[in-house]
Protein backbone atom coordinates (compact mmCIF):
# COMPACT_ATOMS: atom_id res chain seq x y z
CA MET A 1 39.99 9.05 63.59
CA THR A 2 37.49 6.08 62.39
CA MET A 3 35.33 6.12 59.43
CA TRP A 4 32.14 6.54 61.69
CA SER A 5 33.65 9.52 63.48
CA ILE A 6 34.46 11.05 60.05
CA ALA A 7 30.91 10.47 58.68
CA SER A 8 29.33 11.84 61.88
CA HIS A 9 31.49 14.99 61.88
CA SER A 10 30.67 15.62 58.27
CA ARG A 11 26.89 15.14 58.82
CA ARG A 12 27.02 17.80 61.65
CA ALA A 13 29.07 20.31 59.60
CA ILE A 14 26.69 19.86 56.62
CA THR A 15 23.58 20.15 58.86
CA ARG A 16 24.62 23.41 60.48
CA LEU A 17 25.37 24.77 56.81
CA CYS A 18 22.08 23.79 55.06
CA THR A 19 19.95 25.04 58.05
CA ALA A 20 21.74 28.40 58.16
CA THR A 21 21.46 29.08 54.46
CA PRO A 22 17.99 30.76 53.73
CA SER A 23 18.22 30.00 49.85
CA CYS A 24 17.61 26.26 50.60
CA THR A 25 14.07 25.41 49.51
CA THR A 26 14.39 21.65 50.28
CA PRO A 27 13.91 20.53 53.96
CA ALA A 28 17.13 20.39 55.93
CA TYR A 29 16.56 16.77 57.25
CA SER A 30 16.27 15.47 53.50
CA ARG A 31 19.20 17.21 52.33
CA THR A 32 21.43 16.26 55.14
CA THR A 33 20.15 12.60 54.88
CA ASP A 34 21.07 12.51 51.23
CA VAL A 35 24.64 13.92 51.66
CA PHE A 36 25.08 11.67 54.62
CA ASN A 37 24.18 8.59 52.72
CA VAL A 38 26.84 9.66 50.02
CA VAL A 39 29.59 10.29 52.58
CA SER A 40 28.76 7.10 54.12
CA ARG A 41 29.08 5.19 50.96
CA HIS A 42 32.36 6.88 50.17
CA ALA A 43 33.59 6.18 53.63
CA SER A 44 32.67 2.35 53.53
CA SER A 45 34.52 2.14 50.11
CA VAL A 46 37.88 3.12 51.77
CA SER A 47 39.93 0.17 52.93
CA VAL A 48 40.99 0.41 56.68
CA PRO A 49 44.82 -0.71 57.19
CA GLY A 50 45.01 -4.17 58.82
CA SER A 51 41.41 -5.22 57.71
CA PRO A 52 41.05 -8.25 55.47
CA PRO A 53 40.42 -7.51 51.80
CA GLU A 54 36.90 -7.39 50.70
CA LYS A 55 35.75 -10.11 48.13
CA LYS A 56 34.20 -8.49 45.04
CA SER A 57 31.38 -9.91 43.34
CA PRO A 58 31.17 -10.17 39.54
CA GLN A 59 28.56 -7.42 39.86
CA THR A 60 30.83 -5.17 41.65
CA LYS A 61 33.67 -5.61 39.08
CA LEU A 62 31.15 -4.48 36.41
CA GLY A 63 29.71 -1.82 38.13
CA ARG A 64 26.05 -1.66 39.61
CA GLY A 65 23.22 -1.74 36.79
CA TRP A 66 25.82 -2.58 34.08
CA LYS A 67 25.55 -5.78 32.20
CA PRO A 68 27.99 -7.35 29.63
CA MET A 69 27.36 -6.00 26.01
CA TYR A 70 25.33 -8.46 23.82
CA LYS A 71 27.48 -10.50 21.45
CA LEU A 72 25.93 -11.32 18.19
CA LYS A 73 25.73 -15.00 17.34
CA ALA A 74 24.91 -16.31 13.87
CA GLN A 75 22.02 -18.55 15.26
CA ASP A 76 20.31 -15.46 16.74
CA LEU A 77 20.07 -13.63 13.26
CA PRO A 78 16.84 -15.16 11.96
CA ASN A 79 15.10 -14.21 15.19
CA LEU A 80 16.60 -10.67 15.16
CA TYR A 81 15.76 -10.15 11.58
CA LEU A 82 12.11 -11.05 12.26
CA LYS A 83 12.01 -8.62 15.05
CA LEU A 84 13.54 -5.96 12.80
CA SER A 85 10.98 -6.53 10.04
CA LYS A 86 8.08 -6.40 12.54
CA SER A 87 6.95 -9.84 11.47
CA ARG A 88 3.38 -9.65 12.61
CA LEU A 89 2.88 -6.39 10.76
CA THR A 90 4.70 -7.64 7.60
CA GLY A 91 2.58 -10.87 7.80
CA LEU A 92 -0.56 -8.85 7.74
CA VAL A 93 0.68 -6.78 4.84
CA VAL A 94 1.46 -9.91 2.78
CA ILE A 95 -2.11 -11.42 3.66
CA THR A 96 -3.87 -8.45 2.14
CA ALA A 97 -1.60 -8.49 -0.90
CA MET A 98 -2.54 -12.21 -1.44
CA ALA A 99 -6.20 -11.31 -0.89
CA GLY A 100 -5.98 -8.75 -3.62
CA TYR A 101 -4.44 -11.29 -6.01
CA VAL A 102 -7.06 -14.05 -5.29
CA ALA A 103 -9.99 -11.61 -5.65
CA ALA A 104 -8.75 -10.39 -9.02
CA PRO A 105 -10.66 -11.88 -11.93
CA GLY A 106 -7.54 -13.06 -13.85
CA THR A 107 -6.13 -16.57 -14.01
CA PHE A 108 -4.58 -17.96 -10.92
CA GLU A 109 -0.81 -18.77 -11.45
CA LEU A 110 1.47 -20.23 -8.62
CA LEU A 111 4.74 -18.59 -9.54
CA PRO A 112 3.44 -14.93 -9.71
CA PHE A 113 1.51 -15.75 -6.53
CA LEU A 114 4.50 -16.88 -4.65
CA ALA A 115 6.68 -14.06 -5.97
CA LEU A 116 4.02 -11.48 -4.93
CA SER A 117 3.98 -12.82 -1.31
CA ALA A 118 7.72 -13.09 -1.03
CA GLY A 119 8.24 -9.69 -2.74
CA THR A 120 5.78 -7.83 -0.66
CA GLY A 121 7.10 -9.24 2.48
CA LEU A 122 10.78 -8.05 1.68
CA CYS A 123 9.69 -4.79 0.78
CA SER A 124 7.72 -4.36 4.03
CA ALA A 125 10.53 -5.90 5.97
CA ALA A 126 12.99 -3.28 4.54
CA ALA A 127 10.61 -0.48 5.28
CA ASN A 128 10.21 -1.50 8.85
CA ALA A 129 14.06 -1.80 9.24
CA VAL A 130 14.59 1.83 7.92
CA ASN A 131 11.78 3.01 10.20
CA GLN A 132 13.49 1.38 13.28
CA THR A 133 16.87 2.75 12.20
CA MET A 134 15.68 6.36 11.87
CA GLU A 135 13.64 6.15 15.21
CA ILE A 136 16.18 4.72 17.65
CA PRO A 137 16.61 7.59 20.24
CA TYR A 138 12.78 8.15 20.29
CA ASP A 139 12.07 4.44 20.75
CA ALA A 140 14.28 4.20 23.67
CA GLN A 141 11.98 6.86 25.42
CA MET A 142 8.72 4.66 24.97
CA ALA A 143 7.65 1.83 26.97
CA ARG A 144 6.14 -0.03 23.84
CA THR A 145 9.41 0.27 21.91
CA ARG A 146 12.35 0.39 24.28
CA SER A 147 12.88 -3.39 23.82
CA ARG A 148 13.33 -3.28 20.22
CA VAL A 149 16.44 -4.71 18.43
CA LEU A 150 18.25 -1.60 17.76
CA VAL A 151 17.54 0.28 20.95
CA ARG A 152 19.11 -2.76 22.84
CA ALA A 153 22.06 -2.75 20.46
CA GLN A 154 21.54 -6.34 19.49
CA LEU A 155 21.96 -5.17 15.74
CA SER A 156 24.04 -2.29 14.74
CA PRO A 157 22.44 0.55 12.61
CA LEU A 158 24.85 -0.40 9.76
CA HIS A 159 23.65 -3.91 9.82
CA SER A 160 20.02 -2.84 9.87
CA ALA A 161 20.74 -0.27 6.81
CA CYS A 162 22.43 -3.35 4.90
CA PHE A 163 19.51 -5.56 5.62
CA ALA A 164 17.01 -2.99 4.36
CA VAL A 165 18.82 -2.33 1.18
CA SER A 166 19.23 -6.13 0.32
CA SER A 167 15.69 -6.89 1.31
CA VAL A 168 14.01 -3.79 -0.97
CA ALA A 169 16.34 -4.64 -3.90
CA SER A 170 15.51 -8.49 -4.03
CA GLY A 171 11.68 -7.65 -3.20
CA THR A 172 11.37 -5.15 -5.99
CA ALA A 173 13.23 -7.44 -8.48
CA MET A 174 10.85 -10.23 -7.58
CA LEU A 175 7.81 -8.26 -8.06
CA THR A 176 9.16 -6.67 -11.38
CA PHE A 177 10.52 -9.89 -13.14
CA LEU A 178 8.40 -12.68 -11.71
CA CYS A 179 5.09 -10.55 -11.61
CA ASN A 180 5.05 -7.48 -13.82
CA PRO A 181 6.68 -4.10 -13.88
CA LEU A 182 3.62 -2.34 -12.36
CA THR A 183 3.60 -4.48 -9.51
CA GLY A 184 7.42 -3.81 -8.76
CA ALA A 185 6.84 -0.14 -9.29
CA LEU A 186 3.83 -0.11 -6.63
CA GLY A 187 6.03 -2.14 -4.46
CA PHE A 188 9.07 0.38 -4.37
CA ALA A 189 6.77 3.35 -4.32
CA ASN A 190 5.22 2.07 -1.10
CA PHE A 191 8.72 1.49 0.25
CA LEU A 192 9.63 5.14 -0.37
CA LEU A 193 6.31 6.59 0.87
CA TYR A 194 6.79 4.74 4.36
CA THR A 195 10.42 5.55 4.65
CA SER A 196 10.56 9.01 3.24
CA ALA A 197 7.16 10.45 4.02
CA TYR A 198 5.31 8.62 6.76
CA THR A 199 8.44 8.23 9.16
CA PRO A 200 9.50 11.73 9.18
CA LEU A 201 6.05 13.21 9.28
CA LYS A 202 5.41 11.17 12.50
CA ARG A 203 7.34 13.97 14.46
CA THR A 204 6.01 16.98 12.45
CA THR A 205 2.31 16.73 11.78
CA ILE A 206 -0.73 14.78 12.45
CA TRP A 207 -1.21 14.19 8.79
CA ASN A 208 1.21 11.27 9.09
CA THR A 209 -1.68 9.10 9.89
CA TRP A 210 -3.39 9.89 6.45
CA VAL A 211 0.03 9.14 4.61
CA GLY A 212 0.33 5.84 6.57
CA SER A 213 -3.22 4.81 5.65
CA VAL A 214 -2.23 5.28 1.99
CA VAL A 215 0.90 2.98 2.55
CA GLY A 216 -1.34 0.32 4.32
CA ALA A 217 -3.87 0.56 1.28
CA LEU A 218 -1.59 -0.32 -1.58
CA PRO A 219 -0.73 -4.11 -0.93
CA PRO A 220 -4.18 -5.38 -2.12
CA LEU A 221 -3.64 -3.10 -5.24
CA MET A 222 -0.31 -4.70 -5.72
CA GLY A 223 -2.01 -8.16 -5.55
CA TRP A 224 -4.62 -7.13 -8.32
CA ALA A 225 -2.05 -5.71 -10.60
CA ALA A 226 0.19 -8.95 -10.05
CA CYS A 227 -2.71 -10.96 -11.40
CA THR A 228 -4.37 -8.80 -14.06
CA GLY A 229 -1.42 -6.41 -14.99
CA SER A 230 -3.67 -3.57 -14.61
CA ILE A 231 -5.46 -1.36 -11.92
CA ILE A 232 -8.08 0.50 -14.07
CA HIS A 233 -11.07 -1.60 -13.12
CA PRO A 234 -13.25 -0.09 -10.44
CA ALA A 235 -13.28 -3.27 -8.48
CA ALA A 236 -9.38 -3.14 -8.21
CA TRP A 237 -9.88 -0.14 -5.62
CA ILE A 238 -12.46 -1.76 -3.36
CA MET A 239 -9.93 -3.34 -1.13
CA PRO A 240 -7.51 -0.46 -0.97
CA LEU A 241 -10.40 1.77 0.05
CA VAL A 242 -11.61 -0.54 2.67
CA LEU A 243 -7.94 -0.83 4.02
CA TYR A 244 -7.62 3.01 3.91
CA SER A 245 -10.66 3.46 6.02
CA TRP A 246 -9.89 0.59 8.37
CA GLN A 247 -6.61 1.97 9.43
CA PHE A 248 -8.16 5.11 11.21
CA PRO A 249 -10.11 3.46 13.86
CA HIS A 250 -7.42 0.76 14.08
CA PHE A 251 -4.66 3.00 14.76
CA HIS A 252 -6.58 5.82 16.66
CA GLY A 253 -7.70 3.05 19.03
CA LEU A 254 -4.15 1.85 19.65
CA SER A 255 -2.75 5.60 19.86
CA TRP A 256 -5.50 6.72 22.21
CA ALA A 257 -4.57 3.64 24.71
CA ARG A 258 -0.90 4.80 24.35
CA ARG A 259 -0.97 8.46 24.07
CA ASP A 260 1.21 9.11 27.16
CA ASP A 261 3.86 6.99 25.53
CA TYR A 262 3.69 8.66 22.13
CA SER A 263 3.66 12.00 23.87
CA ARG A 264 6.83 11.02 25.78
CA GLY A 265 8.53 9.87 22.58
CA GLY A 266 7.79 13.20 20.93
CA TYR A 267 5.51 11.89 18.17
CA VAL A 268 2.68 14.18 16.83
CA MET A 269 -0.40 12.15 16.83
CA THR A 270 -3.98 13.23 16.81
CA ALA A 271 -4.77 11.46 20.05
CA VAL A 272 -2.08 13.67 21.75
CA THR A 273 -2.76 17.12 19.91
CA ASP A 274 -6.37 16.96 19.11
CA PRO A 275 -8.31 14.12 21.10
CA ALA A 276 -11.66 15.60 19.81
CA MET A 277 -10.58 15.06 16.24
CA CYS A 278 -9.32 11.71 16.90
CA ARG A 279 -12.60 10.28 18.22
CA ARG A 280 -14.45 12.22 15.08
CA VAL A 281 -12.15 10.53 12.52
CA ALA A 282 -12.27 7.04 14.00
CA LEU A 283 -16.15 7.09 14.10
CA ARG A 284 -16.32 8.69 10.68
CA HIS A 285 -14.23 5.91 8.99
CA CYS A 286 -16.25 3.28 10.88
CA VAL A 287 -19.31 4.39 9.14
CA ALA A 288 -17.29 4.79 5.96
CA LEU A 289 -16.51 1.08 6.05
CA LEU A 290 -20.27 0.34 6.65
CA ALA A 291 -21.15 2.30 3.33
CA LEU A 292 -18.42 0.65 1.43
CA GLY A 293 -19.65 -2.80 2.46
CA MET A 294 -23.08 -1.85 0.95
CA ALA A 295 -21.28 -0.55 -2.37
CA VAL A 296 -19.08 -3.48 -3.09
CA PRO A 297 -21.88 -5.34 -5.12
CA PHE A 298 -22.18 -2.16 -7.40
CA ALA A 299 -18.53 -2.38 -8.26
CA GLY A 300 -18.98 -5.86 -9.57
CA LEU A 301 -16.48 -7.51 -7.11
CA THR A 302 -18.89 -9.64 -5.24
CA SER A 303 -22.50 -10.54 -5.23
CA TRP A 304 -25.15 -9.42 -2.77
CA TRP A 305 -24.70 -12.35 -0.46
CA PHE A 306 -21.41 -10.79 0.62
CA VAL A 307 -23.52 -7.96 2.33
CA CYS A 308 -26.18 -10.26 3.71
CA GLY A 309 -23.52 -12.97 4.61
CA GLY A 310 -21.81 -11.25 7.25
CA ALA A 311 -20.15 -7.78 6.03
CA ALA A 312 -23.11 -5.84 7.28
CA VAL A 313 -22.89 -7.49 10.72
CA VAL A 314 -19.24 -7.17 11.13
CA ASN A 315 -19.13 -3.58 9.81
CA GLY A 316 -22.02 -2.68 12.08
CA TYR A 317 -20.54 -4.05 15.19
CA PHE A 318 -17.30 -2.24 14.44
CA THR A 319 -19.36 1.05 13.93
CA TYR A 320 -20.93 0.47 17.34
CA LEU A 321 -17.50 0.20 18.89
CA GLY A 322 -16.44 3.30 17.07
CA TRP A 323 -19.60 5.01 18.65
CA LYS A 324 -18.71 3.96 22.14
CA PHE A 325 -15.14 5.08 21.70
CA TYR A 326 -16.40 8.62 20.50
CA ARG A 327 -18.91 8.74 23.44
CA GLN A 328 -16.84 7.46 26.43
CA SER A 329 -13.40 8.30 25.25
CA ASN A 330 -11.48 6.20 27.56
CA VAL A 331 -8.84 3.52 27.58
CA VAL A 332 -11.31 0.65 27.54
CA SER A 333 -13.20 1.68 24.72
CA ALA A 334 -10.12 2.48 22.74
CA ARG A 335 -8.65 -0.85 23.47
CA LYS A 336 -11.88 -2.69 22.50
CA LEU A 337 -11.93 -0.95 19.19
CA PHE A 338 -8.24 -1.74 18.49
CA GLN A 339 -8.43 -5.43 19.45
CA PHE A 340 -11.77 -5.93 17.42
CA SER A 341 -10.16 -4.19 14.38
CA LEU A 342 -7.65 -7.01 13.90
CA LEU A 343 -10.55 -9.70 13.75
CA HIS A 344 -12.56 -7.33 11.58
CA LEU A 345 -9.93 -7.04 8.87
CA ILE A 346 -9.30 -10.77 8.73
CA VAL A 347 -13.08 -11.64 8.55
CA LEU A 348 -13.94 -8.77 5.95
CA MET A 349 -11.15 -9.64 3.73
CA GLY A 350 -12.08 -13.41 3.74
CA LEU A 351 -15.55 -12.40 2.88
CA LEU A 352 -14.32 -10.23 0.06
CA VAL A 353 -12.32 -13.02 -1.42
CA ILE A 354 -15.02 -15.68 -0.95
CA GLY A 355 -17.23 -13.43 -2.49
CA ALA A 356 -15.15 -12.50 -5.53
CA VAL A 357 -14.17 -16.17 -6.07
CA SER A 358 -17.89 -17.47 -5.92
CA LYS A 359 -19.00 -14.61 -8.28
CA ASP A 360 -16.36 -15.67 -10.92
CA THR A 361 -17.30 -19.29 -10.55
CA MET A 362 -20.93 -18.62 -11.01
CA CYS A 363 -20.10 -16.30 -14.03
CA VAL A 364 -17.98 -19.01 -15.67
CA GLY A 365 -20.74 -21.74 -15.07
CA HIS A 366 -23.41 -19.47 -16.44
CA ALA A 367 -21.45 -18.60 -19.56
CA ASP A 368 -20.77 -22.28 -20.10
CA LYS A 369 -24.37 -23.06 -19.78
CA THR A 370 -25.69 -20.34 -22.07
CA ALA A 371 -23.12 -20.82 -24.88
CA SER A 372 -24.92 -21.01 -28.04
CA PRO A 373 -24.38 -24.14 -30.38
CA ALA A 374 -23.40 -21.78 -33.19
CA SER A 375 -20.44 -20.72 -31.22
CA LYS A 376 -18.98 -24.35 -31.17
CA PRO A 377 -16.81 -25.38 -33.99
CA ALA A 378 -18.60 -27.44 -36.64
CA GLU A 379 -17.79 -31.13 -36.82
CA THR A 380 -16.99 -32.36 -40.24
CA SER A 381 -17.79 -35.80 -41.06
CA ASP A 382 -15.97 -38.08 -43.47
CA GLU A 383 -18.86 -38.36 -45.56
CA GLN A 384 -18.86 -34.49 -46.09
CA ILE A 385 -15.23 -34.62 -46.79
CA GLN A 386 -15.59 -37.47 -49.44
CA ALA A 387 -18.32 -35.67 -51.10
């Protein structure tokens, strides 16, 4: 009996069985067709005596859909470490820390400034590595994260953990010994807050966004502490407050556009569990940014030209996009809000830094001009000494 006759006989028998069974809910044609396809593939895999041997391709040897396992190479490590660190996010964190240092009224010194930049970057890289290590099975379910380094097994979880430990240790040491202990404590506390609070809360409560906003608000405070050694002055909290409010429209715009993906991964986000609250919170913090921009001169960080020179325009347009997102509540308005938030942060931080530096320069120049002659040391002439 040939292979084709075996397949035909099996198909007729299965057809009679399935059509006679009342419990089958699937149409008989689709069931028998699927079973026939399986039988046909099995029959085609059986070799007939006397037939020439089939030439197997490399794909047949490895199995359909399977690829060779990735082999780690030394030259690939820098690129893999950048992906593990979320280099673009880490770069944004470093920029906000640098802005806090430059805006502070202390003396600019190159070594603490470089140590702040490197230490903040290392702590952020370590936090992102731990975050990805903890979320491997969930990232594999999301289209946005399924191509990450650990999901694709380009690095092992142990390798990622070792990278995180070495990064946070060296980063905290830089911040502590090359800046000051306060900066080191803030950097390590931020690492713990991100890995021990924010990351686990992402799967349990919507309040993870509020915790994550605190994490994002601390880098400019670290920059201020690295420059002045203190965070008591009210102006030190302007940039952290701006960043805290900025993250709500930024992240809610992102999560709304990706809420199907977040739901598939099992993350508890406001855009998934309470869409109305997501829209309200985004608009509320856009308005808060507008109010904060008006209050910056009262804190003594910048002069009034900061408000008139662009902050009111940038914050006003950001609020307009937040209002559109609140009213329309669609993917287009959410993406516009998210995309503009990136430009908004860069422009607003730049205006804050320029305003703070120009204010310090004007204050120093005004102090030099108004210095009284009595404050200068008296010059003693030779005649007075001889007398």
